């Protein structure tokens, strides 16, 4: 008997197929709720945003005193959820990503709203959209009393 014949003789129902784990899903289920809690903890923390570690703002000691309570609470949360150092790195990247995303979208929205308002104002003043305004139009508006 050849090796190929032996393989064919094994009944299919006796072959063990390893179950693949979705490690990304597992990590997200474990870490994302913690990231959400950390965002809330930071938002609720009594932090003076002016304390930046500079000498003018009390130096490094003031910086530590300001941020240490929330950092200790975050470390406790990580500990209580039995998370790894790798998990904490991922969680902090999620927190940063959420902050950056919200900040970017807010800035884009503010810019778009300002541009729309500007277009309406220019349309009212000189009958043109912002991109169509000439230096003469600006001069005319600035000279108005």
Foldseek 3Di string as FASTA:
>chain_A
DDPVVVVVPDDPVPDDDDDDDPVVVVLCVLQVVLLVVLLVLVVPAPADVVQDQDVVNPHPVVVCVRCVVSVVVSVVSCVVSVHDPVSVVVSVVVNVVVVVVVVVVVVVVVVVVVQVVQQVVLCVQPNGHPVPDDPVSVVVVVPDD
